[in-house]
Structure formats: C-alpha cells, structure tokens
Amino acid sequence: MQAAIALDLGRHLRAVIVFDANEPATDDGGPLGPFTVGGLPASSWNREQARAALAGVYVEGNLPPARVRIRAARSGSYRIVARLGGARAKSSKVRLG
C-alpha cells in the first residue's frame, strides 16, 4: 500500500512525499492465522499509520524571496520588504551608519 501527498510550494516548485507500507502483502498468515497488530488486521493498521503520517506532514522554512524592496526614510533608516510569490513575508526597519 502507498500513500502520497503533493505540496505546491509556489514559483513552479512542488514536493511529493510518498509513504510505502507494503509488508505484509496480505493479512493471511497461512497456518499461523491472520496477521494482526493490536487486534487490527495488518492492512488496516498500515492504512491508519499512513493516514497519521500524511496528517503530520508540514513545510518548515522559507523559500528565497521573489522580490526585495528597500525604501529610505528621512530619519536615515531604511525599510526592507521581502515578498515570497505574491505574499508579504517580512518587513524590517534598518539603520545604517
């Protein structure tokens, strides 16, 4: 069994995460009886683990900015604004001297 999730990170960048839960291939353990984990058939347990893994996926960090704008103020400070795609990512006031 496979579970996958695709994430659009913007700026023509995508990530695909694939989880494999292939063992055991069947719930039938032959003469030993069915494969179970905590009373669940192994295939159901695998499916729940894959679902939990998909639910825990998140993206951490920033991509490089698409655009950086700097404005000078009369006080001698500068305001720097970075944009990731169309969204404003960060605004900082900086004084050089």
C-alpha atoms as a PDB file:
ATOM      1  CA  MET A   1       0.000   0.000   0.000  1.00  0.00           C
ATOM      2  CA  GLN A   2       1.208   3.516  -0.778  1.00  0.00           C
ATOM      3  CA  ALA A   3       0.069   6.901   0.469  1.00  0.00           C
ATOM      4  CA  ALA A   4       1.185  10.162  -1.117  1.00  0.00           C
ATOM      5  CA  ILE A   5       0.737  13.890  -0.729  1.00  0.00           C
ATOM      6  CA  ALA A   6       1.762  16.635  -3.162  1.00  0.00           C
ATOM      7  CA  LEU A   7       2.504  20.170  -1.982  1.00  0.00           C
ATOM      8  CA  ASP A   8       2.578  23.232  -4.204  1.00  0.00           C
ATOM      9  CA  LEU A   9       5.391  25.370  -2.794  1.00  0.00           C
ATOM     10  CA  GLY A  10       4.858  28.166  -5.305  1.00  0.00           C
ATOM     11  CA  ARG A  11       7.081  29.599  -8.014  1.00  0.00           C
ATOM     12  CA  HIS A  12       6.767  26.384 -10.083  1.00  0.00           C
ATOM     13  CA  LEU A  13       8.113  24.233  -7.256  1.00  0.00           C
ATOM     14  CA  ARG A  14       6.285  21.163  -5.976  1.00  0.00           C
ATOM     15  CA  ALA A  15       7.127  18.478  -3.448  1.00  0.00           C
ATOM     16  CA  VAL A  16       5.749  14.930  -3.470  1.00  0.00           C
ATOM     17  CA  ILE A  17       6.006  12.764  -0.350  1.00  0.00           C
ATOM     18  CA  VAL A  18       5.352   9.029  -0.681  1.00  0.00           C
ATOM     19  CA  PHE A  19       4.947   6.551   2.176  1.00  0.00           C
ATOM     20  CA  ASP A  20       5.233   2.802   1.485  1.00  0.00           C
ATOM     21  CA  ALA A  21       3.566   0.272   3.773  1.00  0.00           C
ATOM     22  CA  ASN A  22       3.931  -2.891   1.709  1.00  0.00           C
ATOM     23  CA  GLU A  23       4.615  -5.509   4.362  1.00  0.00           C
ATOM     24  CA  PRO A  24       2.799  -7.749   4.936  1.00  0.00           C
ATOM     25  CA  ALA A  25       1.324  -8.051   1.450  1.00  0.00           C
ATOM     26  CA  THR A  26      -1.797  -9.803   2.803  1.00  0.00           C
ATOM     27  CA  ASP A  27      -3.482 -10.263   6.172  1.00  0.00           C
ATOM     28  CA  ASP A  28      -3.360 -14.052   5.705  1.00  0.00           C
ATOM     29  CA  GLY A  29      -0.627 -15.635   7.797  1.00  0.00           C
ATOM     30  CA  GLY A  30      -1.409 -19.121   6.494  1.00  0.00           C
ATOM     31  CA  PRO A  31      -1.478 -21.812   9.170  1.00  0.00           C
ATOM     32  CA  LEU A  32      -0.474 -19.276  11.835  1.00  0.00           C
ATOM     33  CA  GLY A  33      -3.681 -17.288  11.333  1.00  0.00           C
ATOM     34  CA  PRO A  34      -4.195 -13.705  10.210  1.00  0.00           C
ATOM     35  CA  PHE A  35      -1.545 -11.033  10.770  1.00  0.00           C
ATOM     36  CA  THR A  36      -2.795  -8.547  13.353  1.00  0.00           C
ATOM     37  CA  VAL A  37      -1.416  -5.555  15.238  1.00  0.00           C
ATOM     38  CA  GLY A  38      -3.231  -4.676  18.438  1.00  0.00           C
ATOM     39  CA  GLY A  39      -6.246  -6.695  17.289  1.00  0.00           C
ATOM     40  CA  LEU A  40      -6.460  -4.934  13.875  1.00  0.00           C
ATOM     41  CA  PRO A  41      -5.712  -6.702  10.603  1.00  0.00           C
ATOM     42  CA  ALA A  42      -2.206  -5.689   9.480  1.00  0.00           C
ATOM     43  CA  SER A  43      -3.533  -3.974   6.321  1.00  0.00           C
ATOM     44  CA  SER A  44      -5.875  -1.771   8.394  1.00  0.00           C
ATOM     45  CA  TRP A  45      -3.085  -0.936  10.821  1.00  0.00           C
ATOM     46  CA  ASN A  46      -0.793   0.015   7.888  1.00  0.00           C
ATOM     47  CA  ARG A  47      -3.518   2.209   6.396  1.00  0.00           C
ATOM     48  CA  GLU A  48      -4.033   4.042   9.715  1.00  0.00           C
ATOM     49  CA  GLN A  49      -0.279   4.567  10.129  1.00  0.00           C
ATOM     50  CA  ALA A  50      -0.036   6.000   6.585  1.00  0.00           C
ATOM     51  CA  ARG A  51      -3.009   8.298   7.295  1.00  0.00           C
ATOM     52  CA  ALA A  52      -1.365   9.516  10.511  1.00  0.00           C
ATOM     53  CA  ALA A  53       1.931  10.123   8.667  1.00  0.00           C
ATOM     54  CA  LEU A  54       0.161  12.157   5.958  1.00  0.00           C
ATOM     55  CA  ALA A  55      -1.648  14.211   8.592  1.00  0.00           C
ATOM     56  CA  GLY A  56       1.697  15.084  10.190  1.00  0.00           C
ATOM     57  CA  VAL A  57       3.362  16.467   7.039  1.00  0.00           C
ATOM     58  CA  TYR A  58       4.228  20.178   7.152  1.00  0.00           C
ATOM     59  CA  VAL A  59       6.593  22.566   5.428  1.00  0.00           C
ATOM     60  CA  GLU A  60       9.141  24.424   7.522  1.00  0.00           C
ATOM     61  CA  GLY A  61      11.263  27.351   6.424  1.00  0.00           C
ATOM     62  CA  ASN A  62      11.140  29.951   3.676  1.00  0.00           C
ATOM     63  CA  LEU A  63      11.919  29.958   0.006  1.00  0.00           C
ATOM     64  CA  PRO A  64      14.211  32.696  -1.282  1.00  0.00           C
ATOM     65  CA  PRO A  65      12.261  35.931  -1.798  1.00  0.00           C
ATOM     66  CA  ALA A  66      10.829  36.666  -5.231  1.00  0.00           C
ATOM     67  CA  ARG A  67      11.310  40.401  -4.737  1.00  0.00           C
ATOM     68  CA  VAL A  68      13.025  42.636  -2.191  1.00  0.00           C
ATOM     69  CA  ARG A  69      12.179  46.345  -1.928  1.00  0.00           C
ATOM     70  CA  ILE A  70      14.135  48.930   0.089  1.00  0.00           C
ATOM     71  CA  ARG A  71      12.787  52.373   0.949  1.00  0.00           C
ATOM     72  CA  ALA A  72      14.804  55.179   2.507  1.00  0.00           C
ATOM     73  CA  ALA A  73      13.214  57.243   5.266  1.00  0.00           C
ATOM     74  CA  ARG A  74      14.066  60.840   6.165  1.00  0.00           C
ATOM     75  CA  SER A  75      15.405  59.694   9.528  1.00  0.00           C
ATOM     76  CA  GLY A  76      18.237  57.874   7.773  1.00  0.00           C
ATOM     77  CA  SER A  77      16.705  54.448   8.319  1.00  0.00           C
ATOM     78  CA  TYR A  78      15.580  52.031   5.641  1.00  0.00           C
ATOM     79  CA  ARG A  79      12.572  49.744   5.420  1.00  0.00           C
ATOM     80  CA  ILE A  80      13.220  46.403   3.745  1.00  0.00           C
ATOM     81  CA  VAL A  81      10.244  44.384   2.482  1.00  0.00           C
ATOM     82  CA  ALA A  82      10.669  40.889   1.045  1.00  0.00           C
ATOM     83  CA  ARG A  83       7.924  39.103  -0.896  1.00  0.00           C
ATOM     84  CA  LEU A  84       7.539  35.366  -1.420  1.00  0.00           C
ATOM     85  CA  GLY A  85       5.444  34.975  -4.529  1.00  0.00           C
ATOM     86  CA  GLY A  86       2.606  37.470  -4.039  1.00  0.00           C
ATOM     87  CA  ALA A  87       2.609  37.370  -0.236  1.00  0.00           C
ATOM     88  CA  ARG A  88       4.484  39.763   2.018  1.00  0.00           C
ATOM     89  CA  ALA A  89       6.976  37.712   4.011  1.00  0.00           C
ATOM     90  CA  LYS A  90       8.909  40.124   6.177  1.00  0.00           C
ATOM     91  CA  SER A  91       9.295  43.819   6.837  1.00  0.00           C
ATOM     92  CA  SER A  92      12.276  45.151   8.768  1.00  0.00           C
ATOM     93  CA  LYS A  93      13.429  48.616   9.736  1.00  0.00           C
ATOM     94  CA  VAL A  94      17.206  49.008   9.412  1.00  0.00           C
ATOM     95  CA  ARG A  95      19.512  51.914  10.237  1.00  0.00           C
ATOM     96  CA  LEU A  96      22.885  52.030   8.514  1.00  0.00           C
ATOM     97  CA  GLY A  97      25.643  54.130   9.896  1.00  0.00           C
END
